[in-house]
Amino acid sequence: MEIRVRFFASLVDRTGCATERLEVPASADVNWLWRALVERHPELSRLAYRPAIACDLEYADWERELRGVEEVAFLPPVSGG
């Protein structure tokens, strides 16, 4: 199945793109997807934080299965003032 991946803020700088599509096995979860993305974009392995995740516009955890998910977004921490 194909997943649309979205990156935000500093993650765009590290990957060089805001969106991409990736073919994933039906049994994949967010952890699997992240490992595949780090392979494609080695700069992601240098992050000092773990991005927040949203699957189809709802926050999710790293163990979330991707079956039926159309879009996964990775979001860096947000600082406020």
PDB file of N, CA and C in Angstrom:
ATOM      1  N   MET A   1       0.844  -1.172   0.000  1.00  0.00           N
ATOM      2  CA  MET A   1       0.000   0.000   0.000  1.00  0.00           C
ATOM      3  C   MET A   1       0.891   1.236   0.000  1.00  0.00           C
ATOM      4  N   GLU A   2       0.357   2.315  -0.500  1.00  0.00           N
ATOM      5  CA  GLU A   2       1.134   3.545  -0.593  1.00  0.00           C
ATOM      6  C   GLU A   2       0.679   4.539   0.477  1.00  0.00           C
ATOM      7  N   ILE A   3       1.647   5.150   1.150  1.00  0.00           N
ATOM      8  CA  ILE A   3       1.395   6.142   2.200  1.00  0.00           C
ATOM      9  C   ILE A   3       1.969   7.485   1.745  1.00  0.00           C
ATOM     10  N   ARG A   4       1.221   8.532   1.972  1.00  0.00           N
ATOM     11  CA  ARG A   4       1.752   9.884   1.757  1.00  0.00           C
ATOM     12  C   ARG A   4       2.382  10.326   3.077  1.00  0.00           C
ATOM     13  N   VAL A   5       3.620  10.773   3.008  1.00  0.00           N
ATOM     14  CA  VAL A   5       4.356  11.227   4.190  1.00  0.00           C
ATOM     15  C   VAL A   5       4.523  12.737   4.090  1.00  0.00           C
ATOM     16  N   ARG A   6       4.255  13.419   5.192  1.00  0.00           N
ATOM     17  CA  ARG A   6       4.436  14.870   5.236  1.00  0.00           C
ATOM     18  C   ARG A   6       5.444  15.210   6.320  1.00  0.00           C
ATOM     19  N   PHE A   7       6.324  16.142   5.993  1.00  0.00           N
ATOM     20  CA  PHE A   7       7.320  16.646   6.938  1.00  0.00           C
ATOM     21  C   PHE A   7       7.046  18.125   7.186  1.00  0.00           C
ATOM     22  N   PHE A   8       7.345  18.579   8.390  1.00  0.00           N
ATOM     23  CA  PHE A   8       7.122  19.973   8.738  1.00  0.00           C
ATOM     24  C   PHE A   8       8.390  20.594   9.311  1.00  0.00           C
ATOM     25  N   ALA A   9       8.515  21.908   9.122  1.00  0.00           N
ATOM     26  CA  ALA A   9       9.569  22.748   9.702  1.00  0.00           C
ATOM     27  C   ALA A   9      10.969  22.180   9.450  1.00  0.00           C
ATOM     28  N   SER A  10      11.739  21.946  10.507  1.00  0.00           N
ATOM     29  CA  SER A  10      13.132  21.515  10.352  1.00  0.00           C
ATOM     30  C   SER A  10      13.255  20.153   9.667  1.00  0.00           C
ATOM     31  N   LEU A  11      12.200  19.353   9.702  1.00  0.00           N
ATOM     32  CA  LEU A  11      12.249  18.062   9.025  1.00  0.00           C
ATOM     33  C   LEU A  11      12.278  18.235   7.506  1.00  0.00           C
ATOM     34  N   VAL A  12      11.677  19.293   7.022  1.00  0.00           N
ATOM     35  CA  VAL A  12      11.753  19.608   5.590  1.00  0.00           C
ATOM     36  C   VAL A  12      13.200  19.911   5.220  1.00  0.00           C
ATOM     37  N   ASP A  13      13.891  20.657   6.069  1.00  0.00           N
ATOM     38  CA  ASP A  13      15.297  20.974   5.815  1.00  0.00           C
ATOM     39  C   ASP A  13      16.149  19.707   5.756  1.00  0.00           C
ATOM     40  N   ARG A  14      15.877  18.766   6.629  1.00  0.00           N
ATOM     41  CA  ARG A  14      16.683  17.540   6.688  1.00  0.00           C
ATOM     42  C   ARG A  14      16.394  16.583   5.530  1.00  0.00           C
ATOM     43  N   THR A  15      15.153  16.574   5.049  1.00  0.00           N
ATOM     44  CA  THR A  15      14.791  15.644   3.978  1.00  0.00           C
ATOM     45  C   THR A  15      14.852  16.280   2.595  1.00  0.00           C
ATOM     46  N   GLY A  16      14.753  17.597   2.552  1.00  0.00           N
ATOM     47  CA  GLY A  16      14.730  18.280   1.260  1.00  0.00           C
ATOM     48  C   GLY A  16      13.371  18.244   0.586  1.00  0.00           C
ATOM     49  N   CYS A  17      12.342  17.793   1.309  1.00  0.00           N
ATOM     50  CA  CYS A  17      11.001  17.756   0.722  1.00  0.00           C
ATOM     51  C   CYS A  17       9.953  17.903   1.830  1.00  0.00           C
ATOM     52  N   ALA A  18       8.793  18.389   1.448  1.00  0.00           N
ATOM     53  CA  ALA A  18       7.691  18.529   2.401  1.00  0.00           C
ATOM     54  C   ALA A  18       6.768  17.311   2.363  1.00  0.00           C
ATOM     55  N   THR A  19       6.704  16.658   1.205  1.00  0.00           N
ATOM     56  CA  THR A  19       5.878  15.455   1.071  1.00  0.00           C
ATOM     57  C   THR A  19       6.578  14.445   0.173  1.00  0.00           C
ATOM     58  N   GLU A  20       6.243  13.211   0.389  1.00  0.00           N
ATOM     59  CA  GLU A  20       6.690  12.145  -0.503  1.00  0.00           C
ATOM     60  C   GLU A  20       5.745  10.965  -0.333  1.00  0.00           C
ATOM     61  N   ARG A  21       5.811  10.051  -1.255  1.00  0.00           N
ATOM     62  CA  ARG A  21       4.993   8.839  -1.199  1.00  0.00           C
ATOM     63  C   ARG A  21       5.921   7.646  -1.034  1.00  0.00           C
ATOM     64  N   LEU A  22       5.467   6.695  -0.233  1.00  0.00           N
ATOM     65  CA  LEU A  22       6.289   5.531   0.052  1.00  0.00           C
ATOM     66  C   LEU A  22       5.417   4.286   0.051  1.00  0.00           C
ATOM     67  N   GLU A  23       5.883   3.257  -0.610  1.00  0.00           N
ATOM     68  CA  GLU A  23       5.196   1.973  -0.611  1.00  0.00           C
ATOM     69  C   GLU A  23       5.572   1.234   0.670  1.00  0.00           C
ATOM     70  N   VAL A  24       4.574   0.772   1.417  1.00  0.00           N
ATOM     71  CA  VAL A  24       4.826   0.083   2.679  1.00  0.00           C
ATOM     72  C   VAL A  24       4.043  -1.231   2.710  1.00  0.00           C
ATOM     73  N   PRO A  25       4.569  -2.237   3.406  1.00  0.00           N
ATOM     74  CA  PRO A  25       3.811  -3.493   3.526  1.00  0.00           C
ATOM     75  C   PRO A  25       2.579  -3.297   4.411  1.00  0.00           C
ATOM     76  N   ALA A  26       1.584  -4.120   4.205  1.00  0.00           N
ATOM     77  CA  ALA A  26       0.331  -4.011   4.962  1.00  0.00           C
ATOM     78  C   ALA A  26       0.551  -4.154   6.461  1.00  0.00           C
ATOM     79  N   SER A  27       1.608  -4.842   6.869  1.00  0.00           N
ATOM     80  CA  SER A  27       1.869  -5.066   8.292  1.00  0.00           C
ATOM     81  C   SER A  27       2.701  -3.951   8.942  1.00  0.00           C
ATOM     82  N   ALA A  28       3.028  -2.903   8.200  1.00  0.00           N
ATOM     83  CA  ALA A  28       3.913  -1.852   8.705  1.00  0.00           C
ATOM     84  C   ALA A  28       3.247  -1.021   9.802  1.00  0.00           C
ATOM     85  N   ASP A  29       4.108  -0.518  10.700  1.00  0.00           N
ATOM     86  CA  ASP A  29       3.664   0.450  11.698  1.00  0.00           C
ATOM     87  C   ASP A  29       4.525   1.704  11.541  1.00  0.00           C
ATOM     88  N   VAL A  30       4.292   2.696  12.382  1.00  0.00           N
ATOM     89  CA  VAL A  30       5.023   3.956  12.273  1.00  0.00           C
ATOM     90  C   VAL A  30       6.520   3.736  12.465  1.00  0.00           C
ATOM     91  N   ASN A  31       6.910   2.862  13.390  1.00  0.00           N
ATOM     92  CA  ASN A  31       8.336   2.569  13.576  1.00  0.00           C
ATOM     93  C   ASN A  31       8.964   2.066  12.276  1.00  0.00           C
ATOM     94  N   TRP A  32       8.294   1.162  11.591  1.00  0.00           N
ATOM     95  CA  TRP A  32       8.800   0.633  10.323  1.00  0.00           C
ATOM     96  C   TRP A  32       8.953   1.772   9.317  1.00  0.00           C
ATOM     97  N   LEU A  33       7.936   2.605   9.230  1.00  0.00           N
ATOM     98  CA  LEU A  33       7.968   3.727   8.291  1.00  0.00           C
ATOM     99  C   LEU A  33       9.138   4.659   8.596  1.00  0.00           C
ATOM    100  N   TRP A  34       9.347   4.974   9.870  1.00  0.00           N
ATOM    101  CA  TRP A  34      10.442   5.872  10.251  1.00  0.00           C
ATOM    102  C   TRP A  34      11.795   5.281   9.844  1.00  0.00           C
ATOM    103  N   ARG A  35      11.989   3.998  10.107  1.00  0.00           N
ATOM    104  CA  ARG A  35      13.258   3.356   9.715  1.00  0.00           C
ATOM    105  C   ARG A  35      13.467   3.437   8.201  1.00  0.00           C
ATOM    106  N   ALA A  36      12.413   3.226   7.431  1.00  0.00           N
ATOM    107  CA  ALA A  36      12.507   3.335   5.963  1.00  0.00           C
ATOM    108  C   ALA A  36      12.851   4.762   5.550  1.00  0.00           C
ATOM    109  N   LEU A  37      12.292   5.738   6.249  1.00  0.00           N
ATOM    110  CA  LEU A  37      12.578   7.142   5.923  1.00  0.00           C
ATOM    111  C   LEU A  37      14.010   7.519   6.285  1.00  0.00           C
ATOM    112  N   VAL A  38      14.518   6.998   7.395  1.00  0.00           N
ATOM    113  CA  VAL A  38      15.905   7.271   7.787  1.00  0.00           C
ATOM    114  C   VAL A  38      16.863   6.680   6.748  1.00  0.00           C
ATOM    115  N   GLU A  39      16.506   5.532   6.192  1.00  0.00           N
ATOM    116  CA  GLU A  39      17.324   4.959   5.116  1.00  0.00           C
ATOM    117  C   GLU A  39      17.376   5.876   3.903  1.00  0.00           C
ATOM    118  N   ARG A  40      16.241   6.467   3.569  1.00  0.00           N
ATOM    119  CA  ARG A  40      16.157   7.370   2.410  1.00  0.00           C
ATOM    120  C   ARG A  40      16.760   8.737   2.689  1.00  0.00           C
ATOM    121  N   HIS A  41      16.651   9.171   3.946  1.00  0.00           N
ATOM    122  CA  HIS A  41      17.117  10.503   4.362  1.00  0.00           C
ATOM    123  C   HIS A  41      17.984  10.354   5.612  1.00  0.00           C
ATOM    124  N   PRO A  42      19.248   9.993   5.461  1.00  0.00           N
ATOM    125  CA  PRO A  42      20.116   9.730   6.618  1.00  0.00           C
ATOM    126  C   PRO A  42      20.209  10.887   7.613  1.00  0.00           C
ATOM    127  N   GLU A  43      19.972  12.101   7.179  1.00  0.00           N
ATOM    128  CA  GLU A  43      20.003  13.255   8.105  1.00  0.00           C
ATOM    129  C   GLU A  43      18.987  13.103   9.237  1.00  0.00           C
ATOM    130  N   LEU A  44      17.924  12.355   9.014  1.00  0.00           N
ATOM    131  CA  LEU A  44      16.922  12.156  10.065  1.00  0.00           C
ATOM    132  C   LEU A  44      17.499  11.404  11.255  1.00  0.00           C
ATOM    133  N   SER A  45      18.526  10.614  11.042  1.00  0.00           N
ATOM    134  CA  SER A  45      19.112   9.846  12.142  1.00  0.00           C
ATOM    135  C   SER A  45      19.839  10.746  13.132  1.00  0.00           C
ATOM    136  N   ARG A  46      20.104  11.969  12.757  1.00  0.00           N
ATOM    137  CA  ARG A  46      20.828  12.904  13.632  1.00  0.00           C
ATOM    138  C   ARG A  46      19.921  13.772  14.492  1.00  0.00           C
ATOM    139  N   LEU A  47      18.633  13.520  14.447  1.00  0.00           N
ATOM    140  CA  LEU A  47      17.708  14.317  15.250  1.00  0.00           C
ATOM    141  C   LEU A  47      17.956  14.095  16.739  1.00  0.00           C
ATOM    142  N   ALA A  48      17.852  15.158  17.503  1.00  0.00           N
ATOM    143  CA  ALA A  48      18.023  15.073  18.952  1.00  0.00           C
ATOM    144  C   ALA A  48      16.677  14.845  19.652  1.00  0.00           C
ATOM    145  N   TYR A  49      15.632  14.670  18.881  1.00  0.00           N
ATOM    146  CA  TYR A  49      14.294  14.468  19.424  1.00  0.00           C
ATOM    147  C   TYR A  49      13.572  13.436  18.558  1.00  0.00           C
ATOM    148  N   ARG A  50      12.484  12.951  19.085  1.00  0.00           N
ATOM    149  CA  ARG A  50      11.618  12.042  18.331  1.00  0.00           C
ATOM    150  C   ARG A  50      10.394  12.845  17.894  1.00  0.00           C
ATOM    151  N   PRO A  51      10.148  12.943  16.602  1.00  0.00           N
ATOM    152  CA  PRO A  51       9.021  13.758  16.132  1.00  0.00           C
ATOM    153  C   PRO A  51       7.676  13.244  16.637  1.00  0.00           C
ATOM    154  N   ALA A  52       6.732  14.158  16.732  1.00  0.00           N
ATOM    155  CA  ALA A  52       5.347  13.767  16.977  1.00  0.00           C
ATOM    156  C   ALA A  52       4.797  13.219  15.667  1.00  0.00           C
ATOM    157  N   ILE A  53       3.771  12.394  15.767  1.00  0.00           N
ATOM    158  CA  ILE A  53       3.207  11.732  14.599  1.00  0.00           C
ATOM    159  C   ILE A  53       1.716  11.986  14.534  1.00  0.00           C
ATOM    160  N   ALA A  54       1.235  12.192  13.320  1.00  0.00           N
ATOM    161  CA  ALA A  54      -0.207  12.251  13.085  1.00  0.00           C
ATOM    162  C   ALA A  54      -0.515  11.313  11.920  1.00  0.00           C
ATOM    163  N   CYS A  55      -1.496  10.460  12.123  1.00  0.00           N
ATOM    164  CA  CYS A  55      -1.959   9.570  11.066  1.00  0.00           C
ATOM    165  C   CYS A  55      -3.356  10.028  10.658  1.00  0.00           C
ATOM    166  N   ASP A  56      -3.479  10.430   9.402  1.00  0.00           N
ATOM    167  CA  ASP A  56      -4.747  10.951   8.899  1.00  0.00           C
ATOM    168  C   ASP A  56      -5.307  12.041   9.823  1.00  0.00           C
ATOM    169  N   LEU A  57      -4.437  12.983  10.171  1.00  0.00           N
ATOM    170  CA  LEU A  57      -4.770  14.191  10.949  1.00  0.00           C
ATOM    171  C   LEU A  57      -5.088  13.936  12.420  1.00  0.00           C
ATOM    172  N   GLU A  58      -4.784  12.746  12.940  1.00  0.00           N
ATOM    173  CA  GLU A  58      -4.971  12.467  14.362  1.00  0.00           C
ATOM    174  C   GLU A  58      -3.647  12.029  14.958  1.00  0.00           C
ATOM    175  N   TYR A  59      -3.293  12.612  16.112  1.00  0.00           N
ATOM    176  CA  TYR A  59      -2.041  12.215  16.752  1.00  0.00           C
ATOM    177  C   TYR A  59      -2.029  10.713  16.991  1.00  0.00           C
ATOM    178  N   ALA A  60      -0.851  10.124  16.851  1.00  0.00           N
ATOM    179  CA  ALA A  60      -0.700   8.677  16.992  1.00  0.00           C
ATOM    180  C   ALA A  60       0.602   8.380  17.719  1.00  0.00           C
ATOM    181  N   ASP A  61       0.766   7.121  18.130  1.00  0.00           N
ATOM    182  CA  ASP A  61       2.017   6.719  18.757  1.00  0.00           C
ATOM    183  C   ASP A  61       2.844   5.928  17.753  1.00  0.00           C
ATOM    184  N   TRP A  62       4.057   5.607  18.141  1.00  0.00           N
ATOM    185  CA  TRP A  62       5.013   4.968  17.242  1.00  0.00           C
ATOM    186  C   TRP A  62       4.651   3.531  16.895  1.00  0.00           C
ATOM    187  N   GLU A  63       3.786   2.911  17.672  1.00  0.00           N
ATOM    188  CA  GLU A  63       3.379   1.534  17.406  1.00  0.00           C
ATOM    189  C   GLU A  63       2.128   1.458  16.531  1.00  0.00           C
ATOM    190  N   ARG A  64       1.601   2.592  16.133  1.00  0.00           N
ATOM    191  CA  ARG A  64       0.363   2.640  15.342  1.00  0.00           C
ATOM    192  C   ARG A  64       0.535   1.883  14.033  1.00  0.00           C
ATOM    193  N   GLU A  65      -0.340   0.929  13.781  1.00  0.00           N
ATOM    194  CA  GLU A  65      -0.324   0.199  12.516  1.00  0.00           C
ATOM    195  C   GLU A  65      -0.801   1.129  11.404  1.00  0.00           C
ATOM    196  N   LEU A  66      -0.259   0.927  10.214  1.00  0.00           N
ATOM    197  CA  LEU A  66      -0.572   1.816   9.101  1.00  0.00           C
ATOM    198  C   LEU A  66      -1.659   1.272   8.169  1.00  0.00           C
ATOM    199  N   ARG A  67      -2.169   0.104   8.455  1.00  0.00           N
ATOM    200  CA  ARG A  67      -3.237  -0.462   7.622  1.00  0.00           C
ATOM    201  C   ARG A  67      -4.413   0.520   7.577  1.00  0.00           C
ATOM    202  N   GLY A  68      -4.796   0.929   6.383  1.00  0.00           N
ATOM    203  CA  GLY A  68      -5.916   1.854   6.221  1.00  0.00           C
ATOM    204  C   GLY A  68      -5.550   3.318   6.333  1.00  0.00           C
ATOM    205  N   VAL A  69      -4.313   3.620   6.671  1.00  0.00           N
ATOM    206  CA  VAL A  69      -3.867   5.015   6.812  1.00  0.00           C
ATOM    207  C   VAL A  69      -3.427   5.541   5.449  1.00  0.00           C
ATOM    208  N   GLU A  70      -3.850   6.751   5.123  1.00  0.00           N
ATOM    209  CA  GLU A  70      -3.468   7.358   3.851  1.00  0.00           C
ATOM    210  C   GLU A  70      -2.297   8.333   4.000  1.00  0.00           C
ATOM    211  N   GLU A  71      -2.206   8.988   5.164  1.00  0.00           N
ATOM    212  CA  GLU A  71      -1.167  10.007   5.348  1.00  0.00           C
ATOM    213  C   GLU A  71      -0.579   9.941   6.751  1.00  0.00           C
ATOM    214  N   VAL A  72       0.741  10.056   6.813  1.00  0.00           N
ATOM    215  CA  VAL A  72       1.445  10.143   8.094  1.00  0.00           C
ATOM    216  C   VAL A  72       2.255  11.429   8.074  1.00  0.00           C
ATOM    217  N   ALA A  73       2.098  12.221   9.115  1.00  0.00           N
ATOM    218  CA  ALA A  73       2.845  13.476   9.227  1.00  0.00           C
ATOM    219  C   ALA A  73       3.806  13.373  10.406  1.00  0.00           C
ATOM    220  N   PHE A  74       5.020  13.889  10.197  1.00  0.00           N
ATOM    221  CA  PHE A  74       6.033  13.938  11.260  1.00  0.00           C
ATOM    222  C   PHE A  74       6.255  15.402  11.596  1.00  0.00           C
ATOM    223  N   LEU A  75       6.112  15.724  12.903  1.00  0.00           N
ATOM    224  CA  LEU A  75       6.161  17.100  13.355  1.00  0.00           C
ATOM    225  C   LEU A  75       7.246  17.278  14.415  1.00  0.00           C
ATOM    226  N   PRO A  76       8.104  18.278  14.245  1.00  0.00           N
ATOM    227  CA  PRO A  76       9.115  18.542  15.274  1.00  0.00           C
ATOM    228  C   PRO A  76       8.460  19.180  16.498  1.00  0.00           C
ATOM    229  N   PRO A  77       9.183  19.209  17.630  1.00  0.00           N
ATOM    230  CA  PRO A  77       8.624  19.861  18.822  1.00  0.00           C
ATOM    231  C   PRO A  77       8.333  21.331  18.536  1.00  0.00           C
ATOM    232  N   VAL A  78       7.347  21.851  19.197  1.00  0.00           N
ATOM    233  CA  VAL A  78       6.973  23.254  19.040  1.00  0.00           C
ATOM    234  C   VAL A  78       7.372  23.991  20.303  1.00  0.00           C
ATOM    235  N   SER A  79       8.067  25.105  20.123  1.00  0.00           N
ATOM    236  CA  SER A  79       8.415  25.908  21.290  1.00  0.00           C
ATOM    237  C   SER A  79       7.527  27.147  21.308  1.00  0.00           C
ATOM    238  N   GLY A  80       7.256  27.611  22.469  1.00  0.00           N
ATOM    239  CA  GLY A  80       6.377  28.781  22.609  1.00  0.00           C
ATOM    240  C   GLY A  80       7.035  29.833  23.458  1.00  0.00           C
ATOM    241  N   GLY A  81       6.407  30.939  23.524  1.00  0.00           N
ATOM    242  CA  GLY A  81       7.008  32.008  24.310  1.00  0.00           C
ATOM    243  C   GLY A  81       6.014  32.946  24.859  1.00  0.00           C
TER     244      GLY A  81
END
